[in-house]
Amino acid sequence: MARTIAKDHDQKRDQILKSAAKVFATQGFDRASMAMLARECGISKANIYHYYDSKDALLFDLLDTYLRELRDRICHIDISDLSAEKRLRRVVAEVLLAYQGADYEHQVQIGAMSALPEDQQRLLRGYQRELVGFVEGIIKAAAPKVFEGQGDKLRAATMSVFGMLNWYYMWNTGAGSEARESYAALVADLTLGGLEAL
């Protein structure tokens, strides 16, 4: 007879993913063990194996969940009724707000993704490309003439925006929503002002 799924299965899985992000980020993926992960989660090693058969499987699920949810949150916000400028402002703010509380996940993404098999990395990079492509489209719409036939320039502008957002994220991890929205407005002002100058 098949084993039934516990009512709190998803809640426990989310707890394991959060705990794993902390362990992988602070200890390093290579040094982390399933025993360490179980201790951080407050569950037995046997119980953690009920959810994941290896730390590699746990790492993939952690990054797959984080990057897919980040992509979906940003790419699915309703900006259809906004002007090009307001779309940029809304999306930039949403990125910083989405980063809030995901410090460990972000560190694991940067430091441990390369430990996964290439096919899994390809899937995860696909989420990243979709997110970047979405923001790129928003930036292009804010200054369509500037980027006409200038794909390299558009890419550079887009990655510069992410660079500013990631700088804030790395150096202001404890910032609240209000501070993030304030900095997002600054990034939008700099971007729009720069586009106007171009």
C-alpha atoms as a PDB file:
ATOM      1  CA  MET A   1       0.000   0.000   0.000  1.00  0.00           C
ATOM      2  CA  ALA A   2       1.368   3.453  -0.972  1.00  0.00           C
ATOM      3  CA  ARG A   3       2.404   5.729   1.849  1.00  0.00           C
ATOM      4  CA  THR A   4       0.034   8.678   2.288  1.00  0.00           C
ATOM      5  CA  ILE A   5       1.349  12.227   2.268  1.00  0.00           C
ATOM      6  CA  ALA A   6       1.124  13.978   5.632  1.00  0.00           C
ATOM      7  CA  LYS A   7      -1.163  16.986   5.861  1.00  0.00           C
ATOM      8  CA  ASP A   8       1.766  19.202   6.781  1.00  0.00           C
ATOM      9  CA  HIS A   9       4.046  17.794   4.042  1.00  0.00           C
ATOM     10  CA  ASP A  10       4.332  21.076   2.122  1.00  0.00           C
ATOM     11  CA  GLN A  11       4.890  23.090   5.286  1.00  0.00           C
ATOM     12  CA  LYS A  12       7.696  20.754   6.393  1.00  0.00           C
ATOM     13  CA  ARG A  13       9.209  20.815   2.907  1.00  0.00           C
ATOM     14  CA  ASP A  14       9.246  24.635   3.001  1.00  0.00           C
ATOM     15  CA  GLN A  15      10.905  24.500   6.434  1.00  0.00           C
ATOM     16  CA  ILE A  16      13.551  22.097   5.116  1.00  0.00           C
ATOM     17  CA  LEU A  17      14.253  24.351   2.123  1.00  0.00           C
ATOM     18  CA  LYS A  18      14.632  27.443   4.340  1.00  0.00           C
ATOM     19  CA  SER A  19      16.914  25.596   6.742  1.00  0.00           C
ATOM     20  CA  ALA A  20      18.955  24.128   3.895  1.00  0.00           C
ATOM     21  CA  ALA A  21      19.437  27.586   2.367  1.00  0.00           C
ATOM     22  CA  LYS A  22      20.904  28.788   5.671  1.00  0.00           C
ATOM     23  CA  VAL A  23      23.212  25.783   6.036  1.00  0.00           C
ATOM     24  CA  PHE A  24      24.386  25.837   2.406  1.00  0.00           C
ATOM     25  CA  ALA A  25      24.989  29.604   2.567  1.00  0.00           C
ATOM     26  CA  THR A  26      26.828  29.660   5.900  1.00  0.00           C
ATOM     27  CA  GLN A  27      28.696  26.340   5.780  1.00  0.00           C
ATOM     28  CA  GLY A  28      29.140  25.929   2.027  1.00  0.00           C
ATOM     29  CA  PHE A  29      27.424  23.258  -0.027  1.00  0.00           C
ATOM     30  CA  ASP A  30      30.490  20.980  -0.097  1.00  0.00           C
ATOM     31  CA  ARG A  31      30.894  21.001   3.701  1.00  0.00           C
ATOM     32  CA  ALA A  32      27.182  20.634   4.476  1.00  0.00           C
ATOM     33  CA  SER A  33      25.842  17.197   5.362  1.00  0.00           C
ATOM     34  CA  MET A  34      22.383  15.712   5.661  1.00  0.00           C
ATOM     35  CA  ALA A  35      22.991  15.411   9.419  1.00  0.00           C
ATOM     36  CA  MET A  36      23.709  19.166   9.642  1.00  0.00           C
ATOM     37  CA  LEU A  37      20.603  19.894   7.593  1.00  0.00           C
ATOM     38  CA  ALA A  38      18.445  17.692   9.810  1.00  0.00           C
ATOM     39  CA  ARG A  39      19.804  19.407  12.953  1.00  0.00           C
ATOM     40  CA  GLU A  40      19.057  22.863  11.516  1.00  0.00           C
ATOM     41  CA  CYS A  41      15.519  21.719  10.628  1.00  0.00           C
ATOM     42  CA  GLY A  42      14.973  20.177  14.055  1.00  0.00           C
ATOM     43  CA  ILE A  43      14.052  16.806  12.563  1.00  0.00           C
ATOM     44  CA  SER A  44      15.737  13.413  12.377  1.00  0.00           C
ATOM     45  CA  LYS A  45      18.111  12.475   9.577  1.00  0.00           C
ATOM     46  CA  ALA A  46      15.716   9.675   8.637  1.00  0.00           C
ATOM     47  CA  ASN A  47      12.890  12.197   8.345  1.00  0.00           C
ATOM     48  CA  ILE A  48      14.855  14.465   6.011  1.00  0.00           C
ATOM     49  CA  TYR A  49      15.523  11.462   3.770  1.00  0.00           C
ATOM     50  CA  HIS A  50      11.756  11.013   3.543  1.00  0.00           C
ATOM     51  CA  TYR A  51      11.736  14.291   1.584  1.00  0.00           C
ATOM     52  CA  TYR A  52      15.096  14.191  -0.227  1.00  0.00           C
ATOM     53  CA  ASP A  53      17.343  11.254  -1.044  1.00  0.00           C
ATOM     54  CA  SER A  54      20.486  13.421  -1.227  1.00  0.00           C
ATOM     55  CA  LYS A  55      21.734  16.908  -0.543  1.00  0.00           C
ATOM     56  CA  ASP A  56      22.079  17.344  -4.328  1.00  0.00           C
ATOM     57  CA  ALA A  57      18.339  16.747  -4.732  1.00  0.00           C
ATOM     58  CA  LEU A  58      17.704  19.211  -1.912  1.00  0.00           C
ATOM     59  CA  LEU A  59      19.958  21.817  -3.526  1.00  0.00           C
ATOM     60  CA  PHE A  60      18.152  21.500  -6.838  1.00  0.00           C
ATOM     61  CA  ASP A  61      14.693  21.779  -5.256  1.00  0.00           C
ATOM     62  CA  LEU A  62      15.833  24.786  -3.223  1.00  0.00           C
ATOM     63  CA  LEU A  63      17.118  26.663  -6.282  1.00  0.00           C
ATOM     64  CA  ASP A  64      14.303  25.493  -8.542  1.00  0.00           C
ATOM     65  CA  THR A  65      11.709  26.734  -6.058  1.00  0.00           C
ATOM     66  CA  TYR A  66      13.483  30.020  -5.359  1.00  0.00           C
ATOM     67  CA  LEU A  67      14.230  30.985  -8.964  1.00  0.00           C
ATOM     68  CA  ARG A  68      10.903  29.811 -10.368  1.00  0.00           C
ATOM     69  CA  GLU A  69       8.946  31.721  -7.725  1.00  0.00           C
ATOM     70  CA  LEU A  70      11.130  34.816  -8.217  1.00  0.00           C
ATOM     71  CA  ARG A  71      10.563  34.698 -11.982  1.00  0.00           C
ATOM     72  CA  ASP A  72       6.829  34.174 -11.568  1.00  0.00           C
ATOM     73  CA  ARG A  73       6.459  36.962  -9.022  1.00  0.00           C
ATOM     74  CA  ILE A  74       8.188  39.515 -11.246  1.00  0.00           C
ATOM     75  CA  CYS A  75       7.019  38.391 -14.676  1.00  0.00           C
ATOM     76  CA  HIS A  76       3.374  38.002 -13.679  1.00  0.00           C
ATOM     77  CA  ILE A  77       2.736  41.333 -11.995  1.00  0.00           C
ATOM     78  CA  ASP A  78      -0.064  43.252 -13.642  1.00  0.00           C
ATOM     79  CA  ILE A  79       1.448  46.304 -15.321  1.00  0.00           C
ATOM     80  CA  SER A  80      -0.770  46.327 -18.414  1.00  0.00           C
ATOM     81  CA  ASP A  81      -2.453  49.660 -17.580  1.00  0.00           C
ATOM     82  CA  LEU A  82       0.747  51.492 -16.647  1.00  0.00           C
ATOM     83  CA  SER A  83       2.860  53.860 -18.732  1.00  0.00           C
ATOM     84  CA  ALA A  84       6.347  52.713 -19.763  1.00  0.00           C
ATOM     85  CA  GLU A  85       7.926  54.799 -16.995  1.00  0.00           C
ATOM     86  CA  LYS A  86       5.579  53.474 -14.309  1.00  0.00           C
ATOM     87  CA  ARG A  87       6.133  49.914 -15.522  1.00  0.00           C
ATOM     88  CA  LEU A  88       9.857  50.322 -14.986  1.00  0.00           C
ATOM     89  CA  ARG A  89       9.334  51.808 -11.544  1.00  0.00           C
ATOM     90  CA  ARG A  90       6.918  49.035 -10.537  1.00  0.00           C
ATOM     91  CA  VAL A  91       9.140  46.202 -11.747  1.00  0.00           C
ATOM     92  CA  VAL A  92      12.334  47.587 -10.178  1.00  0.00           C
ATOM     93  CA  ALA A  93      10.555  47.947  -6.829  1.00  0.00           C
ATOM     94  CA  GLU A  94       9.098  44.452  -7.094  1.00  0.00           C
ATOM     95  CA  VAL A  95      12.529  42.915  -7.669  1.00  0.00           C
ATOM     96  CA  LEU A  96      13.920  44.453  -4.479  1.00  0.00           C
ATOM     97  CA  LEU A  97      10.832  43.476  -2.505  1.00  0.00           C
ATOM     98  CA  ALA A  98      11.063  39.915  -3.839  1.00  0.00           C
ATOM     99  CA  TYR A  99      14.670  39.715  -2.634  1.00  0.00           C
ATOM    100  CA  GLN A 100      13.581  40.574   0.914  1.00  0.00           C
ATOM    101  CA  GLY A 101      14.057  37.602   3.244  1.00  0.00           C
ATOM    102  CA  ALA A 102      15.879  35.551   0.586  1.00  0.00           C
ATOM    103  CA  ASP A 103      19.478  36.340   1.543  1.00  0.00           C
ATOM    104  CA  TYR A 104      20.524  32.729   2.009  1.00  0.00           C
ATOM    105  CA  GLU A 105      18.787  31.544  -1.164  1.00  0.00           C
ATOM    106  CA  HIS A 106      20.530  34.256  -3.159  1.00  0.00           C
ATOM    107  CA  GLN A 107      23.927  33.293  -1.734  1.00  0.00           C
ATOM    108  CA  VAL A 108      23.311  29.628  -2.555  1.00  0.00           C
ATOM    109  CA  GLN A 109      22.310  30.569  -6.100  1.00  0.00           C
ATOM    110  CA  ILE A 110      25.621  32.402  -6.557  1.00  0.00           C
ATOM    111  CA  GLY A 111      27.848  29.906  -4.774  1.00  0.00           C
ATOM    112  CA  ALA A 112      26.411  26.430  -5.299  1.00  0.00           C
ATOM    113  CA  MET A 113      24.512  26.228  -8.584  1.00  0.00           C
ATOM    114  CA  SER A 114      27.652  24.977 -10.335  1.00  0.00           C
ATOM    115  CA  ALA A 115      27.554  21.823  -8.149  1.00  0.00           C
ATOM    116  CA  LEU A 116      24.441  20.638 -10.008  1.00  0.00           C
ATOM    117  CA  PRO A 117      24.419  18.600 -13.234  1.00  0.00           C
ATOM    118  CA  GLU A 118      24.458  20.677 -16.426  1.00  0.00           C
ATOM    119  CA  ASP A 119      20.853  19.858 -17.377  1.00  0.00           C
ATOM    120  CA  GLN A 120      19.612  21.155 -14.022  1.00  0.00           C
ATOM    121  CA  GLN A 121      21.790  24.250 -14.291  1.00  0.00           C
ATOM    122  CA  ARG A 122      20.356  24.862 -17.749  1.00  0.00           C
ATOM    123  CA  LEU A 123      16.804  24.790 -16.366  1.00  0.00           C
ATOM    124  CA  LEU A 124      17.692  27.185 -13.543  1.00  0.00           C
ATOM    125  CA  ARG A 125      19.524  29.562 -15.874  1.00  0.00           C
ATOM    126  CA  GLY A 126      16.397  29.500 -18.030  1.00  0.00           C
ATOM    127  CA  TYR A 127      14.406  31.018 -15.143  1.00  0.00           C
ATOM    128  CA  GLN A 128      17.064  33.703 -14.800  1.00  0.00           C
ATOM    129  CA  ARG A 129      17.032  34.430 -18.550  1.00  0.00           C
ATOM    130  CA  GLU A 130      13.250  34.780 -18.551  1.00  0.00           C
ATOM    131  CA  LEU A 131      13.405  37.261 -15.674  1.00  0.00           C
ATOM    132  CA  VAL A 132      16.197  39.267 -17.297  1.00  0.00           C
ATOM    133  CA  GLY A 133      14.362  39.187 -20.634  1.00  0.00           C
ATOM    134  CA  PHE A 134      11.214  40.520 -19.005  1.00  0.00           C
ATOM    135  CA  VAL A 135      13.062  43.431 -17.379  1.00  0.00           C
ATOM    136  CA  GLU A 136      14.917  44.034 -20.641  1.00  0.00           C
ATOM    137  CA  GLY A 137      11.589  44.444 -22.416  1.00  0.00           C
ATOM    138  CA  ILE A 138      10.451  46.966 -19.796  1.00  0.00           C
ATOM    139  CA  ILE A 139      13.652  49.002 -20.236  1.00  0.00           C
ATOM    140  CA  LYS A 140      13.394  48.893 -24.020  1.00  0.00           C
ATOM    141  CA  ALA A 141       9.786  50.116 -23.881  1.00  0.00           C
ATOM    142  CA  ALA A 142      10.918  53.089 -21.780  1.00  0.00           C
ATOM    143  CA  ALA A 143      13.266  54.265 -24.577  1.00  0.00           C
ATOM    144  CA  PRO A 144      12.484  52.337 -27.782  1.00  0.00           C
ATOM    145  CA  LYS A 145      14.416  54.659 -30.118  1.00  0.00           C
ATOM    146  CA  VAL A 146      17.564  54.461 -28.017  1.00  0.00           C
ATOM    147  CA  PHE A 147      17.770  50.680 -28.327  1.00  0.00           C
ATOM    148  CA  GLU A 148      16.557  50.187 -31.893  1.00  0.00           C
ATOM    149  CA  GLY A 149      19.076  47.772 -33.401  1.00  0.00           C
ATOM    150  CA  GLN A 150      21.241  48.128 -30.275  1.00  0.00           C
ATOM    151  CA  GLY A 151      20.877  44.740 -28.577  1.00  0.00           C
ATOM    152  CA  ASP A 152      24.260  44.950 -26.855  1.00  0.00           C
ATOM    153  CA  LYS A 153      23.474  48.376 -25.433  1.00  0.00           C
ATOM    154  CA  LEU A 154      20.081  47.161 -24.201  1.00  0.00           C
ATOM    155  CA  ARG A 155      21.663  44.139 -22.550  1.00  0.00           C
ATOM    156  CA  ALA A 156      24.270  46.359 -20.866  1.00  0.00           C
ATOM    157  CA  ALA A 157      21.581  48.735 -19.591  1.00  0.00           C
ATOM    158  CA  THR A 158      19.508  45.836 -18.245  1.00  0.00           C
ATOM    159  CA  MET A 159      22.428  44.214 -16.461  1.00  0.00           C
ATOM    160  CA  SER A 160      23.408  47.616 -15.035  1.00  0.00           C
ATOM    161  CA  VAL A 161      19.952  47.867 -13.449  1.00  0.00           C
ATOM    162  CA  PHE A 162      20.350  44.387 -11.957  1.00  0.00           C
ATOM    163  CA  GLY A 163      23.834  45.404 -10.805  1.00  0.00           C
ATOM    164  CA  MET A 164      22.392  48.319  -8.836  1.00  0.00           C
ATOM    165  CA  LEU A 165      19.655  46.135  -7.361  1.00  0.00           C
ATOM    166  CA  ASN A 166      22.077  43.374  -6.424  1.00  0.00           C
ATOM    167  CA  TRP A 167      24.474  45.882  -4.847  1.00  0.00           C
ATOM    168  CA  TYR A 168      21.708  47.052  -2.554  1.00  0.00           C
ATOM    169  CA  TYR A 169      20.638  43.512  -1.870  1.00  0.00           C
ATOM    170  CA  MET A 170      24.158  42.413  -0.892  1.00  0.00           C
ATOM    171  CA  TRP A 171      24.952  45.427   1.314  1.00  0.00           C
ATOM    172  CA  ASN A 172      21.549  46.166   2.867  1.00  0.00           C
ATOM    173  CA  THR A 173      20.201  42.712   3.641  1.00  0.00           C
ATOM    174  CA  GLY A 174      18.220  43.824   6.688  1.00  0.00           C
ATOM    175  CA  ALA A 175      16.471  46.703   4.927  1.00  0.00           C
ATOM    176  CA  GLY A 176      12.696  46.823   5.234  1.00  0.00           C
ATOM    177  CA  SER A 177      10.102  47.361   2.527  1.00  0.00           C
ATOM    178  CA  GLU A 178      10.085  51.161   2.823  1.00  0.00           C
ATOM    179  CA  ALA A 179      13.862  51.424   2.415  1.00  0.00           C
ATOM    180  CA  ARG A 180      13.779  49.040  -0.540  1.00  0.00           C
ATOM    181  CA  GLU A 181      11.040  51.015  -2.259  1.00  0.00           C
ATOM    182  CA  SER A 182      13.005  54.232  -1.689  1.00  0.00           C
ATOM    183  CA  TYR A 183      16.143  52.757  -3.258  1.00  0.00           C
ATOM    184  CA  ALA A 184      14.098  51.262  -6.110  1.00  0.00           C
ATOM    185  CA  ALA A 185      12.830  54.773  -6.880  1.00  0.00           C
ATOM    186  CA  LEU A 186      16.436  55.991  -7.005  1.00  0.00           C
ATOM    187  CA  VAL A 187      17.386  53.177  -9.404  1.00  0.00           C
ATOM    188  CA  ALA A 188      14.406  54.021 -11.605  1.00  0.00           C
ATOM    189  CA  ASP A 189      15.335  57.742 -11.572  1.00  0.00           C
ATOM    190  CA  LEU A 190      18.941  56.961 -12.520  1.00  0.00           C
ATOM    191  CA  THR A 191      17.831  54.581 -15.255  1.00  0.00           C
ATOM    192  CA  LEU A 192      15.208  56.869 -16.753  1.00  0.00           C
ATOM    193  CA  GLY A 193      17.533  59.871 -16.528  1.00  0.00           C
ATOM    194  CA  GLY A 194      20.297  57.896 -18.192  1.00  0.00           C
ATOM    195  CA  LEU A 195      17.993  56.699 -20.948  1.00  0.00           C
ATOM    196  CA  GLU A 196      16.897  60.278 -21.576  1.00  0.00           C
ATOM    197  CA  ALA A 197      20.547  61.348 -21.862  1.00  0.00           C
ATOM    198  CA  LEU A 198      21.233  58.573 -24.380  1.00  0.00           C
END
